[in-house]
Amino acid sequence: MYTLLIIIAILSILLVWLVFRLWKKNNVINKLYDFDLEKSDLGSGDERNEGLGIETDWPSSIETPDGVVDAVTITFSQGGAFIRCRDPLPIGEIFRLKIYVPDKDPIDTKAKVVWSNVNVPQDRVVNRGMGVQFIK
């Protein structure tokens, strides 16, 4: 009898958690698509994009003095993103970033490299890249 009650309680907790996670994810996506990049305060938030953020797989391009580098935006938040690229730029470098959001106009902005995993051994890296903060 008690075993059945415990199983029901655990399943109820899991169901509430799942509904909350789906609601939160949907709320984040809605905020992203209502987000006006030019009018927002892009400098706020932690450098590692904590808080509201979504996982993506959006093609991107990085403009460097040596030319344009293809990349992929893996996570995106109002304050910044994680960009997957073969050769991350040095920390502190400012560059033009273009993110191609599906069914939307591309996001064309400046970004600053705030961290990278370039010094992490290859066997410990899932996605080689860099964390960037959007700047005006």
Foldseek 3Di string as FASTA:
>chain_A
DVVVVVVVVVVVVVVVVVVVVVVLQVVLVVCVVVDDLVPDDQQDDDQQQPDRKDADFWWKWWQDPVGIFIWTFGMDDSFWTWIFGDDEDDAQDKTWMWTDDPPDHIDIFIKGFHAFCPVPDPVVDPGGTTIITTDD
